[in-house]
Structures are given as C-alpha cells and as structure tokens.
Protein backbone atom coordinates (compact mmCIF):
# COMPACT_ATOMS: atom_id res chain seq x y z
CA MET A 1 0.11 -0.05 0.03
CA ARG A 2 3.21 2.23 0.10
CA LEU A 3 4.27 3.70 -3.06
CA HIS A 4 7.78 4.22 -1.74
CA ARG A 5 7.96 0.55 -1.24
CA ILE A 6 8.25 0.16 -4.98
CA LEU A 7 11.29 2.42 -5.32
CA ILE A 8 13.14 0.90 -2.32
CA ALA A 9 12.31 -2.68 -3.83
CA THR A 10 13.67 -1.60 -7.20
CA LEU A 11 17.04 -0.53 -5.66
CA LEU A 12 17.67 -3.50 -3.65
CA LEU A 13 16.87 -5.74 -6.78
CA LEU A 14 19.25 -3.73 -8.60
CA ALA A 15 21.82 -4.06 -5.76
CA THR A 16 21.59 -7.87 -5.59
CA GLY A 17 21.46 -8.23 -9.36
CA ASP A 18 18.61 -10.48 -8.79
CA ALA A 19 15.70 -8.88 -10.71
CA PHE A 20 13.39 -11.80 -11.54
CA ALA A 21 13.26 -14.71 -8.71
CA THR A 22 11.85 -12.36 -6.31
CA VAL A 23 8.59 -11.76 -4.34
CA ALA A 24 6.77 -8.56 -3.75
CA ALA A 25 3.65 -7.00 -1.92
CA PRO A 26 3.19 -9.57 0.94
CA THR A 27 -0.46 -9.43 2.40
CA PRO A 28 -1.20 -12.25 4.85
CA VAL A 29 -4.22 -13.75 6.49
CA SER A 30 -4.67 -15.71 9.69
CA TYR A 31 -7.36 -18.00 11.18
CA ILE A 32 -7.90 -21.12 13.04
CA ASP A 33 -9.39 -23.86 11.09
CA SER A 34 -12.37 -26.29 11.82
CA ASN A 35 -9.81 -28.75 13.48
CA GLY A 36 -8.19 -26.20 15.85
CA MET A 37 -5.01 -25.53 13.77
CA ARG A 38 -3.46 -22.13 13.20
CA ARG A 39 -3.58 -21.24 9.60
CA VAL A 40 -1.45 -18.65 7.99
CA TRP A 41 -1.86 -17.64 4.15
CA VAL A 42 0.69 -14.87 2.79
CA PHE A 43 -0.16 -13.93 -0.60
CA VAL A 44 2.85 -12.16 -2.90
CA LYS A 45 3.33 -11.34 -6.34
CA ASN A 46 6.09 -13.71 -7.95
CA ASN A 47 8.12 -11.40 -9.93
CA SER A 48 9.39 -14.27 -12.15
CA ASN A 49 6.25 -14.66 -13.98
CA GLY A 50 3.78 -12.12 -12.77
CA HIS A 51 1.67 -14.73 -11.04
CA LEU A 52 -0.13 -14.46 -7.65
CA ALA A 53 1.58 -16.93 -5.32
CA VAL A 54 0.78 -17.81 -1.54
CA ASN A 55 3.00 -19.32 1.21
CA ARG A 56 0.95 -21.49 3.34
CA PHE A 57 1.37 -22.60 6.89
CA ASN A 58 -1.01 -25.47 7.88
CA GLY A 59 -0.07 -25.26 11.51
CA LEU A 60 3.21 -27.65 11.16
CA THR A 61 4.85 -26.87 7.67
CA TRP A 62 4.98 -24.12 5.13
CA ASP A 63 4.34 -24.51 1.37
CA TRP A 64 4.27 -22.54 -1.96
CA VAL A 65 1.44 -22.60 -4.02
CA ASP A 66 1.09 -20.97 -7.52
CA MET A 67 -2.16 -18.94 -7.76
CA GLY A 68 -1.92 -18.34 -11.41
CA LEU A 69 -3.59 -15.28 -13.22
CA ALA A 70 -7.13 -14.71 -14.80
CA PRO A 71 -7.11 -15.06 -18.64
CA GLY A 72 -5.85 -11.82 -20.17
CA MET A 73 -3.69 -11.29 -17.42
CA THR A 74 -0.06 -10.87 -17.59
CA SER A 75 0.49 -9.70 -13.93
CA PHE A 76 -1.22 -9.42 -10.55
CA ARG A 77 -0.08 -7.44 -7.45
CA PRO A 78 -1.74 -8.27 -4.40
CA GLY A 79 -2.76 -5.23 -2.11
CA LYS A 80 -4.89 -6.49 0.62
CA ALA A 81 -6.31 -10.10 1.64
CA LEU A 82 -9.19 -10.60 4.06
CA THR A 83 -10.74 -13.87 5.39
CA TYR A 84 -14.03 -14.72 7.13
CA ILE A 85 -16.58 -17.26 7.96
CA ASP A 86 -19.88 -16.63 6.04
CA SER A 87 -23.46 -17.09 7.33
CA SER A 88 -23.12 -20.90 5.84
CA GLY A 89 -20.19 -21.67 8.03
CA ILE A 90 -17.97 -21.73 4.96
CA ARG A 91 -14.61 -20.08 5.04
CA ARG A 92 -14.08 -17.21 2.38
CA ILE A 93 -10.72 -15.71 1.35
CA TYR A 94 -10.53 -12.26 -0.85
CA VAL A 95 -7.13 -11.08 -2.49
CA PHE A 96 -7.70 -7.60 -3.92
CA GLY A 97 -4.96 -6.22 -6.01
CA VAL A 98 -4.27 -4.70 -9.25
CA ASP A 99 -3.43 -6.31 -12.96
CA GLN A 100 -0.70 -5.46 -15.32
CA GLU A 101 -2.80 -2.02 -16.38
CA ASN A 102 -3.19 -1.13 -12.59
CA LYS A 103 -7.08 -1.96 -13.07
CA LEU A 104 -8.53 -3.46 -9.63
CA ALA A 105 -9.15 -7.21 -9.48
CA LEU A 106 -9.83 -9.95 -7.07
CA ARG A 107 -8.86 -13.58 -6.71
CA TYR A 108 -11.38 -15.19 -4.21
CA TYR A 109 -12.22 -18.60 -2.42
CA ASN A 110 -15.73 -19.23 -1.89
CA GLY A 111 -15.85 -22.50 -0.16
CA SER A 112 -15.57 -24.73 -3.30
CA GLY A 113 -12.86 -23.24 -5.42
CA TRP A 114 -10.84 -20.23 -6.38
CA TYR A 115 -12.10 -17.83 -8.97
CA TRP A 116 -11.06 -14.46 -10.55
CA LYS A 117 -12.95 -11.18 -10.89
CA LYS A 118 -11.72 -8.37 -13.02
CA PHE A 119 -13.49 -4.86 -12.01
CA GLY A 120 -11.93 -2.90 -14.74
CA GLY A 121 -12.38 0.66 -14.13
CA VAL A 122 -9.78 3.72 -13.70
CA ALA A 123 -6.23 2.89 -13.54
CA LEU A 124 -5.41 3.05 -9.66
CA ASN A 125 -1.98 3.67 -7.57
CA PRO A 126 -0.95 -0.08 -7.60
CA ALA A 127 0.52 0.70 -3.69
CA SER A 128 -2.80 2.14 -2.58
CA ILE A 129 -4.94 -0.88 -2.28
CA SER A 130 -6.52 -1.72 0.94
CA ALA A 131 -9.90 -3.17 2.36
CA VAL A 132 -12.10 -3.90 4.96
CA THR A 133 -14.99 -6.56 5.65
CA TYR A 134 -17.78 -6.69 8.45
CA VAL A 135 -21.40 -8.30 9.09
CA THR A 136 -24.29 -5.56 9.33
CA SER A 137 -26.94 -6.05 12.03
CA ASN A 138 -29.09 -8.00 9.74
CA GLY A 139 -26.68 -10.54 8.92
CA THR A 140 -25.00 -9.26 5.45
CA GLN A 141 -21.44 -9.57 4.61
CA ILE A 142 -20.07 -6.11 3.49
CA LEU A 143 -16.74 -6.00 1.62
CA ARG A 144 -15.00 -2.61 0.46
CA ALA A 145 -11.62 -2.49 -1.66
CA PHE A 146 -10.35 1.20 -1.37
CA ALA A 147 -7.77 2.75 -3.58
CA THR A 148 -6.50 6.03 -5.10
CA THR A 149 -6.60 6.81 -8.75
CA ALA A 150 -3.21 7.06 -10.77
CA GLU A 151 -4.04 9.97 -12.79
CA LYS A 152 -5.89 12.48 -10.35
CA GLY A 153 -5.13 11.00 -6.97
CA GLU A 154 -8.73 10.78 -6.01
CA PHE A 155 -10.58 8.42 -3.51
CA VAL A 156 -12.37 5.36 -4.94
CA ALA A 157 -13.99 2.30 -3.52
CA GLN A 158 -15.55 -1.03 -4.76
CA TYR A 159 -18.29 -2.05 -2.55
CA TRP A 160 -20.01 -5.54 -2.02
CA ASN A 161 -23.65 -4.66 -0.62
CA GLY A 162 -24.57 -8.49 -0.38
CA ALA A 163 -25.93 -8.74 -4.03
CA GLU A 164 -23.60 -6.83 -6.16
CA TRP A 165 -20.31 -4.91 -6.60
CA ILE A 166 -20.74 -0.90 -6.89
CA TRP A 167 -18.33 1.53 -7.63
CA ILE A 168 -18.02 4.70 -5.37
CA PHE A 169 -15.94 7.82 -6.44
CA ALA A 170 -15.56 10.21 -3.41
CA GLY A 171 -12.93 12.67 -4.66
CA LYS A 172 -10.52 14.40 -2.39
CA PRO A 173 -10.60 16.51 0.62
CA PRO A 174 -11.41 20.23 -0.26
CA SER A 175 -8.50 21.49 2.05
CA LEU A 176 -6.05 19.78 -0.68
CA GLY A 177 -7.21 22.14 -3.36
CA GLU A 178 -7.08 21.53 -7.07
CA GLN A 179 -3.44 20.48 -7.23
CA GLY A 180 -3.62 18.26 -4.25
CA ARG A 181 -3.78 14.55 -4.50
CA LEU A 182 -4.10 11.34 -2.43
CA GLU A 183 -1.58 8.67 -2.53
CA ASP A 184 -1.34 5.61 -0.17
CA THR A 185 -4.40 4.10 1.75
CA ASP A 186 -5.15 1.93 4.88
CA ALA A 187 -8.59 1.41 6.63
CA ILE A 188 -9.87 0.18 9.88
CA THR A 189 -13.87 -0.76 10.61
CA TYR A 190 -15.57 -0.92 13.78
CA VAL A 191 -18.96 -0.33 15.40
CA ASP A 192 -19.41 3.36 16.59
CA SER A 193 -21.15 4.54 19.62
CA ALA A 194 -24.39 4.89 17.55
CA GLY A 195 -24.13 1.24 16.95
CA ASP A 196 -23.36 1.67 13.32
CA HIS A 197 -20.53 0.09 11.36
CA ARG A 198 -17.83 2.67 10.61
CA MET A 199 -15.08 2.40 8.05
CA ASP A 200 -12.14 5.07 8.49
CA VAL A 201 -9.79 5.35 5.60
CA PHE A 202 -6.53 6.94 5.99
CA PHE A 203 -4.69 8.67 3.44
CA THR A 204 -1.34 10.23 2.89
CA ALA A 205 -2.41 13.37 1.28
CA PHE A 206 0.04 15.82 -0.68
CA ASP A 207 -1.42 19.49 -0.96
CA GLY A 208 1.03 20.66 -3.49
CA ALA A 209 3.57 21.36 -0.89
CA GLU A 210 3.57 19.01 2.09
CA PHE A 211 2.41 15.32 2.70
CA ARG A 212 -0.09 15.43 5.37
CA LEU A 213 -2.74 13.09 6.70
CA ALA A 214 -6.43 12.90 5.85
CA GLU A 215 -9.21 10.83 6.71
CA ASN A 216 -12.54 9.58 5.15
CA SER A 217 -15.18 8.27 7.65
CA SER A 218 -18.32 6.74 6.45
CA THR A 219 -21.08 4.27 7.35
CA TYR A 220 -22.25 4.22 3.71
CA GLY A 221 -21.66 6.12 0.46
CA ALA A 222 -18.75 8.64 0.04
CA GLY A 223 -18.45 9.89 3.63
CA GLU A 224 -16.92 12.82 5.30
CA TRP A 225 -13.49 14.35 5.09
CA MET A 226 -10.99 15.37 7.88
CA ASP A 227 -7.56 16.70 7.29
CA HIS A 228 -5.38 15.77 10.32
CA GLY A 229 -2.17 17.65 9.23
CA GLY A 230 1.21 16.73 9.92
CA VAL A 231 4.22 17.17 8.22
CA GLY A 232 6.09 14.60 5.77
CA VAL A 233 3.37 12.12 6.54
CA ALA A 234 4.24 8.64 4.73
CA GLU A 235 3.78 4.86 6.07
CA ILE A 236 0.51 5.23 7.62
CA SER A 237 -0.65 2.10 9.66
CA PRO A 238 -3.64 2.57 11.71
CA ILE A 239 -5.13 0.26 14.39
CA THR A 240 -8.07 0.80 16.54
CA PHE A 241 -9.80 -0.86 20.01
CA THR A 242 -12.06 -0.30 22.36
CA GLU A 243 -10.73 0.65 26.41
CA ASN A 244 -12.92 1.45 29.00
CA HIS A 245 -15.79 1.93 26.79
CA ASP A 246 -13.66 4.32 24.87
CA ARG A 247 -13.11 3.63 20.96
CA LYS A 248 -9.44 4.53 20.50
CA ILE A 249 -7.57 4.81 16.99
CA TYR A 250 -3.91 5.05 16.57
CA VAL A 251 -2.71 6.16 12.97
CA TYR A 252 1.22 5.25 13.13
CA ALA A 253 3.02 7.07 10.30
CA ARG A 254 6.50 8.14 9.54
CA SER A 255 6.35 11.76 10.11
CA SER A 256 9.35 14.32 9.76
CA ASP A 257 11.38 11.24 9.35
CA THR A 258 10.34 9.86 12.85
CA LEU A 259 7.73 7.73 14.25
CA ARG A 260 4.57 9.60 14.98
CA SER A 261 0.95 8.77 15.88
CA ARG A 262 -2.24 10.51 15.44
CA ARG A 263 -4.49 9.25 18.25
CA ARG A 264 -8.03 9.54 19.07
CA VAL A 265 -8.78 8.97 22.54
CA GLY A 266 -11.92 10.28 24.66
CA GLY A 267 -13.20 11.61 21.40
CA ASP A 268 -10.29 14.08 20.93
CA TRP A 269 -7.39 13.96 18.30
CA SER A 270 -3.79 14.62 18.96
CA TRP A 271 -0.29 14.11 17.46
CA VAL A 272 2.15 11.94 19.79
CA ASN A 273 5.96 11.72 18.67
CA SER A 274 7.43 8.34 19.51
CA GLY A 275 10.83 9.48 18.45
CA LEU A 276 13.56 6.83 17.02
CA PRO A 277 15.00 3.82 18.11
CA VAL A 278 18.53 4.98 16.91
CA PRO A 279 19.45 8.50 17.54
CA ASP A 280 20.06 10.55 14.28
CA SER A 281 18.46 7.81 11.82
CA GLN A 282 15.52 8.26 9.83
CA LEU A 283 12.71 6.33 9.65
CA TRP A 284 11.72 4.32 6.81
CA GLU A 285 8.77 1.87 7.42
CA THR A 286 5.83 1.01 9.63
CA ALA A 287 3.51 -1.77 10.48
CA ALA A 288 1.16 -2.06 13.62
CA THR A 289 -0.80 -4.51 15.04
CA THR A 290 -2.96 -4.74 18.36
CA TYR A 291 -4.62 -7.57 20.10
CA VAL A 292 -5.59 -8.67 23.49
CA ASP A 293 -3.51 -11.53 24.72
CA LEU A 294 -4.79 -14.56 26.18
CA SER A 295 -4.20 -13.23 29.79
CA GLY A 296 -6.72 -10.37 28.72
CA ALA A 297 -3.96 -7.57 28.50
CA ARG A 298 -4.03 -5.25 25.66
CA GLN A 299 -0.65 -5.47 23.34
CA ILE A 300 0.56 -3.32 20.89
CA HIS A 301 3.26 -3.45 18.34
CA VAL A 302 4.80 -1.38 16.04
CA PHE A 303 7.51 -2.57 13.84
CA VAL A 304 9.67 -0.05 11.87
CA THR A 305 12.77 -0.09 9.81
CA VAL A 306 15.48 2.80 9.86
CA ASN A 307 18.22 3.89 7.45
CA THR A 308 21.19 2.44 9.51
CA GLY A 309 21.93 -0.83 10.56
CA GLY A 310 19.79 -3.18 8.38
CA ARG A 311 17.74 -3.70 11.71
CA VAL A 312 13.89 -4.07 12.44
CA TYR A 313 12.93 -2.49 15.53
CA ARG A 314 9.51 -2.55 17.60
CA ARG A 315 7.92 -0.15 19.45
CA SER A 316 5.64 -2.03 22.15
CA TRP A 317 3.00 -1.38 24.94
CA ASN A 318 4.39 -3.23 28.02
CA GLY A 319 1.15 -2.45 29.95
CA SER A 320 2.30 0.83 31.59
CA SER A 321 4.60 2.32 28.81
CA PHE A 322 5.94 2.06 25.59
CA GLU A 323 9.73 0.87 24.62
CA TRP A 324 11.84 0.21 22.01
CA ILE A 325 13.02 -3.14 21.28
CA ASN A 326 15.62 -4.34 18.91
CA GLN A 327 14.41 -7.21 16.65
CA ASN A 328 17.84 -7.71 14.87
CA LYS A 329 17.85 -8.76 11.23
CA PRO A 330 16.96 -11.78 9.04
CA ASP A 331 20.55 -12.36 7.57
CA ALA A 332 23.89 -10.67 7.12
CA TYR A 333 22.77 -8.19 4.54
CA GLY A 334 19.61 -7.16 6.76
CA VAL A 335 17.62 -4.61 4.93
CA VAL A 336 13.81 -5.62 4.41
CA ASN A 337 11.13 -3.74 2.88
CA SER A 338 7.09 -4.29 2.42
CA LEU A 339 6.68 -4.65 6.18
CA THR A 340 3.05 -5.90 7.32
CA ALA A 341 2.19 -7.39 10.56
CA LEU A 342 -0.62 -9.51 11.86
CA SER A 343 -1.43 -11.37 15.32
CA VAL A 344 -3.71 -14.85 15.89
CA ALA A 345 -4.50 -16.72 18.99
CA ASP A 346 -3.59 -20.40 18.90
CA PRO A 347 -6.00 -22.30 21.15
CA ALA A 348 -3.76 -25.43 20.71
CA THR A 349 -0.77 -23.83 22.46
CA GLY A 350 -2.24 -21.29 24.44
CA HIS A 351 -0.38 -18.52 22.80
CA GLU A 352 -0.72 -15.38 20.92
CA PHE A 353 1.42 -15.53 17.81
CA VAL A 354 2.62 -12.34 16.23
CA TYR A 355 3.84 -11.98 12.82
CA LEU A 356 5.84 -9.37 10.90
CA PHE A 357 6.14 -10.40 7.12
CA ALA A 358 8.74 -8.59 5.08
CA VAL A 359 10.95 -9.00 1.59
CA ASN A 360 14.74 -9.23 2.02
CA ALA A 361 17.22 -7.66 -0.11
CA TYR A 362 17.38 -10.85 -1.98
CA GLY A 363 13.80 -10.80 -2.81
CA SER A 364 12.67 -13.79 -0.23
CA LEU A 365 9.73 -13.87 1.90
CA VAL A 366 11.06 -13.46 5.45
CA PHE A 367 9.17 -13.07 8.56
CA ASN A 368 9.79 -12.26 12.12
CA TYR A 369 7.47 -14.17 15.04
CA TRP A 370 6.72 -14.51 18.48
CA SER A 371 6.51 -18.03 19.21
CA GLY A 372 5.27 -17.70 22.67
CA ALA A 373 8.44 -17.69 24.33
CA ASN A 374 10.80 -15.72 21.96
CA TRP A 375 11.28 -13.84 18.80
CA VAL A 376 12.51 -15.78 15.80
CA TRP A 377 13.48 -14.67 12.34
CA ALA A 378 12.75 -17.23 9.50
CA ASN A 379 13.34 -17.31 5.79
CA ASN A 380 10.60 -19.10 3.33
CA GLY A 381 12.58 -18.01 0.35
CA GLN A 382 10.57 -17.76 -3.07
CA PRO A 383 7.86 -19.58 -5.11
C-alpha cells in the first residue's frame, strides 16, 4: 500500500542483481481452522512470471502454491487479503490487487474453489489498495476495497453490498485544492457509539507542498473528510480498539522522519511523537498490530525500519508504557522492505502469535514472529 516501497524494492533488486526470482507486496491472513489448527496464508506477487503466489502454513509446515493469473492477465500485484466465515459456516478468502494495467482485480475462494473477478474501471495507484469486511446487523457480509486513482489521486472504492459490486467515487478533501492528490491508503472498521459499522480510510495526502494525513469516515456512501495535518506523512498504519468503553484509534506514520501517531482518545485527536529507536537515524517503514492476549492484557506492536544498521525495531506497549526493542535482522545483509504485521491466537498452544512479514534484499519472503517464548526470524524463500 505504500508507494515508496516500490522504489526501495527496485533499488534492492538492482543491488543484488536478481530482479526476477523474487517476491513483492506480501499481504497475509490468518485463522484457526475447523480442526483447531493455526493457518497463515501470505499472498505475494511472483516477479519471475507475474503470478499471484501464496506461502501457506498448515499448523506444522510451510509450502508455496502458484495461484496463477486470470485469462488476459500478464501480472497481478496483491494489495490486501481478507478472510471470514460466512453465514453458512464456510471459510472465504479474498485477495484484492491490480493487474498489469493497474485495474482493480480480485482472487477469491468461495468455499468450493478459487475464482477471478476483474473490475476494470480507472487505473489505480498500485500501492494504494486496502480493504475491510464486516457483518451488518441484519447478517449481510459487506466488503469494501479502497484505492486512489493513478491520474488524479482521487479516492475510489469497490463495494459489495451483499448482492452486487458497486463503484463509489469520493474525490478528495477540499483542503487539498485543485493540485492536491491522495496517495497511500489504509483502513479500519468498527462499530461506533451509535451502533453503526463505520469505515475510516486514512491517506497520505499531498497538498502541493507537503504530505499530510487525511481521513474519510463513512457508514455508507462517500463519507466525510477530515484533514489531520502533519508534516512529511508517509507509511501510515492504523489500529483501533476499545478500552474502558472508549473507542481509540492510533494511526502510526512516518512524519518528519520519525515515528509519530495521530491518536483519538476520549473523542479528541492529537499527535504523539514516539521518536526513533536509533538516535540521528531516519524512519523508513511502519507496520502496526494490536490484540488482547490470552491473559486479557492489551498488546500493541509497531514494527519499523530505519536507514542505518539494517535492523528491524519494535515499539511495544508493556502494559504501562511504550518501549523500543531491537528485533535484529533476518540475515547478514539485513535490509527488508514491505513490512506487514498480524496476530492470531492459537488455542492449541495457548499462545498469541505475532508475525511481521517482509521481503529481504534478495527478494525472499522473511518473517519475524513471536513463538510464545521468544522472537525468531525465518526465511521462506521464493515460489
């Protein structure tokens, strides 16, 4: 979802001399299957042939599967994967992304097989795809994929209302002016204080002089805009949770080359500066995840990379304060890009597993995970 990741990945591929047998754009889902096994699926683009591929964990081992391409497609770049159990008890998986023309497309599993859907429409910013899903009060499963357009930087959404897919064109915030444009997106969904399902889509927004944080908040339709300001905003990663009956939203981002978060607490918004894990460094990427662990405690992990040392660092909430922790690096070269994080409870082991997925300098899928006892790096290679 982050535009500058494409530039970083390109530079890394040129440095290693291996621009073909590589992966890009990881997007994971995780769930506990009907047998109580922890499943993890990480969808990537296989740069060697343009295909969608998936690295799957079945609770014991990992394997690679080629997911192919739709007829007429020469490449597919995944943007956001979702999974849920429908009203019939069937596990469904959706992978939104773009084809070689940067048009929105979907690879999905409906319980009996895998299928493709091509939405057409305008060309999109390939790094801007995000999506959410939820169930309405009447039991309808809603899906929305979000993106920004390549030409004008405007907000668009593809909306499944339970019966058909509908395009929504929401433009851009008036505060950006005619020359402004929206770039990256990331989204959260939750039930608001009125009992409505709300979708908050956050953007890096360029006003012609500066990158800011913008938000489109809706229950249906085009939504309402909010300009959150900020300086040099990039690498947005929002999380949301309820604590003491208060709906909290933390939008982590790179801002002025440091880690900052735009937070809504008690209904009020403010900027919080979390600084840097290494003095005098510059922040590169962010990926945040939050959950309640099996003891009932709120956990927050924000993974970041900086421009020195090639290491990954973690900003974590320990129950009373935040602290920086060095996660080290997956290999001697170290540098990783395309960070994405998730967490899943595992009833079989009684542990909460946290995963950080990334692509290393050699174009391989690597991940850093909490095993329930310690943090471990692993390299799953390439398809």
